[in-house]
Amino acid sequence: MDAKKAAAAYPMLEKLIARVLIAHDPSGLYAMGAPHDEHDGDVRAIISSLQRATSVADVQSILVDRLCGWIVDAEKDVDDLCSSMAPAIWEAWCEFKRAAG
């Protein structure tokens, strides 16, 4: 991975993952008017964990580990929500790796 290319591609990766979280609202906070940066720490933690991911299933596991508490507190189904978010996050990660060389 080329460090300069990775640094240039990283902001888009953050933005794409944040969009997925906003769209699926795992905490239910966006529906209550929370700012769109509410899960920025989760986005960074997810990205850090993606380095060990090799599939959509791995991404789903990462999301369960990271977001389970938020999802349960919002009275949503953890497996359904994480499985619906995982493909888009996996795609964003694969695109980041291609862009980073």
C-alpha atoms as a PDB file:
ATOM      1  CA  MET A   1       0.000   0.000   0.000  1.00  0.00           C
ATOM      2  CA  ASP A   2       1.371   3.369  -1.038  1.00  0.00           C
ATOM      3  CA  ALA A   3       1.275   5.738   1.954  1.00  0.00           C
ATOM      4  CA  LYS A   4       0.578   8.873  -0.119  1.00  0.00           C
ATOM      5  CA  LYS A   5      -2.195   7.201  -2.101  1.00  0.00           C
ATOM      6  CA  ALA A   6      -3.679   5.780   1.098  1.00  0.00           C
ATOM      7  CA  ALA A   7      -3.634   9.199   2.765  1.00  0.00           C
ATOM      8  CA  ALA A   8      -5.368  10.715  -0.252  1.00  0.00           C
ATOM      9  CA  ALA A   9      -8.045   7.965  -0.355  1.00  0.00           C
ATOM     10  CA  TYR A  10      -8.696   7.768   3.390  1.00  0.00           C
ATOM     11  CA  PRO A  11     -11.110  10.743   3.677  1.00  0.00           C
ATOM     12  CA  MET A  12     -13.395   9.187   1.059  1.00  0.00           C
ATOM     13  CA  LEU A  13     -13.363   5.872   2.940  1.00  0.00           C
ATOM     14  CA  GLU A  14     -14.385   7.678   6.126  1.00  0.00           C
ATOM     15  CA  LYS A  15     -17.127   9.533   4.284  1.00  0.00           C
ATOM     16  CA  LEU A  16     -18.529   6.371   2.668  1.00  0.00           C
ATOM     17  CA  ILE A  17     -18.638   4.439   5.934  1.00  0.00           C
ATOM     18  CA  ALA A  18     -20.211   7.394   7.728  1.00  0.00           C
ATOM     19  CA  ARG A  19     -22.889   7.530   5.019  1.00  0.00           C
ATOM     20  CA  VAL A  20     -23.692   3.865   5.604  1.00  0.00           C
ATOM     21  CA  LEU A  21     -24.047   4.439   9.344  1.00  0.00           C
ATOM     22  CA  ILE A  22     -26.196   7.519   8.796  1.00  0.00           C
ATOM     23  CA  ALA A  23     -28.426   5.678   6.324  1.00  0.00           C
ATOM     24  CA  HIS A  24     -28.943   2.713   8.660  1.00  0.00           C
ATOM     25  CA  ASP A  25     -28.932   4.725  11.913  1.00  0.00           C
ATOM     26  CA  PRO A  26     -27.714   1.902  14.205  1.00  0.00           C
ATOM     27  CA  SER A  27     -28.209   3.963  17.357  1.00  0.00           C
ATOM     28  CA  GLY A  28     -31.484   5.582  16.373  1.00  0.00           C
ATOM     29  CA  LEU A  29     -29.876   8.929  17.207  1.00  0.00           C
ATOM     30  CA  TYR A  30     -30.006  10.363  13.706  1.00  0.00           C
ATOM     31  CA  ALA A  31     -33.770   9.901  13.686  1.00  0.00           C
ATOM     32  CA  MET A  32     -33.833  12.054  16.826  1.00  0.00           C
ATOM     33  CA  GLY A  33     -31.797  14.812  15.170  1.00  0.00           C
ATOM     34  CA  ALA A  34     -28.245  13.913  16.228  1.00  0.00           C
ATOM     35  CA  PRO A  35     -25.453  15.541  14.198  1.00  0.00           C
ATOM     36  CA  HIS A  36     -23.998  13.488  11.371  1.00  0.00           C
ATOM     37  CA  ASP A  37     -20.653  13.210  13.173  1.00  0.00           C
ATOM     38  CA  GLU A  38     -22.262  11.257  16.035  1.00  0.00           C
ATOM     39  CA  HIS A  39     -20.523   8.007  15.056  1.00  0.00           C
ATOM     40  CA  ASP A  40     -17.172   9.389  13.857  1.00  0.00           C
ATOM     41  CA  GLY A  41     -15.310   7.425  16.538  1.00  0.00           C
ATOM     42  CA  ASP A  42     -17.075   4.264  15.416  1.00  0.00           C
ATOM     43  CA  VAL A  43     -16.127   4.973  11.805  1.00  0.00           C
ATOM     44  CA  ARG A  44     -12.439   5.224  12.706  1.00  0.00           C
ATOM     45  CA  ALA A  45     -12.610   2.066  14.842  1.00  0.00           C
ATOM     46  CA  ILE A  46     -14.347   0.168  12.038  1.00  0.00           C
ATOM     47  CA  ILE A  47     -11.686   1.272   9.549  1.00  0.00           C
ATOM     48  CA  SER A  48      -8.941   0.162  11.907  1.00  0.00           C
ATOM     49  CA  SER A  49     -10.549  -3.260  12.206  1.00  0.00           C
ATOM     50  CA  LEU A  50     -11.079  -3.594   8.449  1.00  0.00           C
ATOM     51  CA  GLN A  51      -7.372  -4.235   7.993  1.00  0.00           C
ATOM     52  CA  ARG A  52      -7.948  -7.829   9.114  1.00  0.00           C
ATOM     53  CA  ALA A  53     -11.147  -8.330   7.066  1.00  0.00           C
ATOM     54  CA  THR A  54     -11.126 -10.710   4.121  1.00  0.00           C
ATOM     55  CA  SER A  55     -14.843 -10.869   3.334  1.00  0.00           C
ATOM     56  CA  VAL A  56     -18.274  -9.352   3.864  1.00  0.00           C
ATOM     57  CA  ALA A  57     -18.762 -11.836   6.708  1.00  0.00           C
ATOM     58  CA  ASP A  58     -15.688 -10.421   8.458  1.00  0.00           C
ATOM     59  CA  VAL A  59     -17.091  -6.911   8.072  1.00  0.00           C
ATOM     60  CA  GLN A  60     -20.392  -8.033   9.541  1.00  0.00           C
ATOM     61  CA  SER A  61     -18.522  -9.445  12.545  1.00  0.00           C
ATOM     62  CA  ILE A  62     -16.619  -6.186  12.976  1.00  0.00           C
ATOM     63  CA  LEU A  63     -19.885  -4.240  12.898  1.00  0.00           C
ATOM     64  CA  VAL A  64     -21.507  -6.530  15.455  1.00  0.00           C
ATOM     65  CA  ASP A  65     -18.516  -6.146  17.773  1.00  0.00           C
ATOM     66  CA  ARG A  66     -18.395  -2.373  17.403  1.00  0.00           C
ATOM     67  CA  LEU A  67     -22.061  -1.395  17.190  1.00  0.00           C
ATOM     68  CA  CYS A  68     -23.931  -4.068  19.150  1.00  0.00           C
ATOM     69  CA  GLY A  69     -24.517  -1.854  22.192  1.00  0.00           C
ATOM     70  CA  TRP A  70     -25.874   1.008  20.090  1.00  0.00           C
ATOM     71  CA  ILE A  71     -28.148  -1.302  18.114  1.00  0.00           C
ATOM     72  CA  VAL A  72     -29.531  -3.116  21.163  1.00  0.00           C
ATOM     73  CA  ASP A  73     -30.174   0.193  22.935  1.00  0.00           C
ATOM     74  CA  ALA A  74     -32.131   1.349  19.862  1.00  0.00           C
ATOM     75  CA  GLU A  75     -34.129  -1.899  20.026  1.00  0.00           C
ATOM     76  CA  LYS A  76     -33.058  -2.986  16.541  1.00  0.00           C
ATOM     77  CA  ASP A  77     -31.997  -6.437  15.335  1.00  0.00           C
ATOM     78  CA  VAL A  78     -28.199  -6.655  15.493  1.00  0.00           C
ATOM     79  CA  ASP A  79     -27.712  -9.374  12.866  1.00  0.00           C
ATOM     80  CA  ASP A  80     -30.143  -7.881  10.351  1.00  0.00           C
ATOM     81  CA  LEU A  81     -28.734  -4.390  10.647  1.00  0.00           C
ATOM     82  CA  CYS A  82     -25.087  -5.437  10.498  1.00  0.00           C
ATOM     83  CA  SER A  83     -25.671  -7.793   7.584  1.00  0.00           C
ATOM     84  CA  SER A  84     -27.406  -5.008   5.665  1.00  0.00           C
ATOM     85  CA  MET A  85     -24.525  -2.555   6.265  1.00  0.00           C
ATOM     86  CA  ALA A  86     -21.629  -4.958   5.667  1.00  0.00           C
ATOM     87  CA  PRO A  87     -21.695  -5.194   1.842  1.00  0.00           C
ATOM     88  CA  ALA A  88     -21.470  -1.422   1.321  1.00  0.00           C
ATOM     89  CA  ILE A  89     -18.659  -1.116   3.863  1.00  0.00           C
ATOM     90  CA  TRP A  90     -16.796  -4.038   2.294  1.00  0.00           C
ATOM     91  CA  GLU A  91     -17.147  -2.400  -1.121  1.00  0.00           C
ATOM     92  CA  ALA A  92     -15.818   0.914   0.247  1.00  0.00           C
ATOM     93  CA  TRP A  93     -12.875  -0.922   1.840  1.00  0.00           C
ATOM     94  CA  CYS A  94     -12.034  -2.777  -1.387  1.00  0.00           C
ATOM     95  CA  GLU A  95     -12.175   0.487  -3.335  1.00  0.00           C
ATOM     96  CA  PHE A  96      -9.887   2.138  -0.766  1.00  0.00           C
ATOM     97  CA  LYS A  97      -7.343  -0.688  -1.109  1.00  0.00           C
ATOM     98  CA  ARG A  98      -7.401  -0.363  -4.911  1.00  0.00           C
ATOM     99  CA  ALA A  99      -6.941   3.406  -4.699  1.00  0.00           C
ATOM    100  CA  ALA A 100      -4.150   3.053  -2.152  1.00  0.00           C
ATOM    101  CA  GLY A 101      -2.255   0.667  -4.397  1.00  0.00           C
END
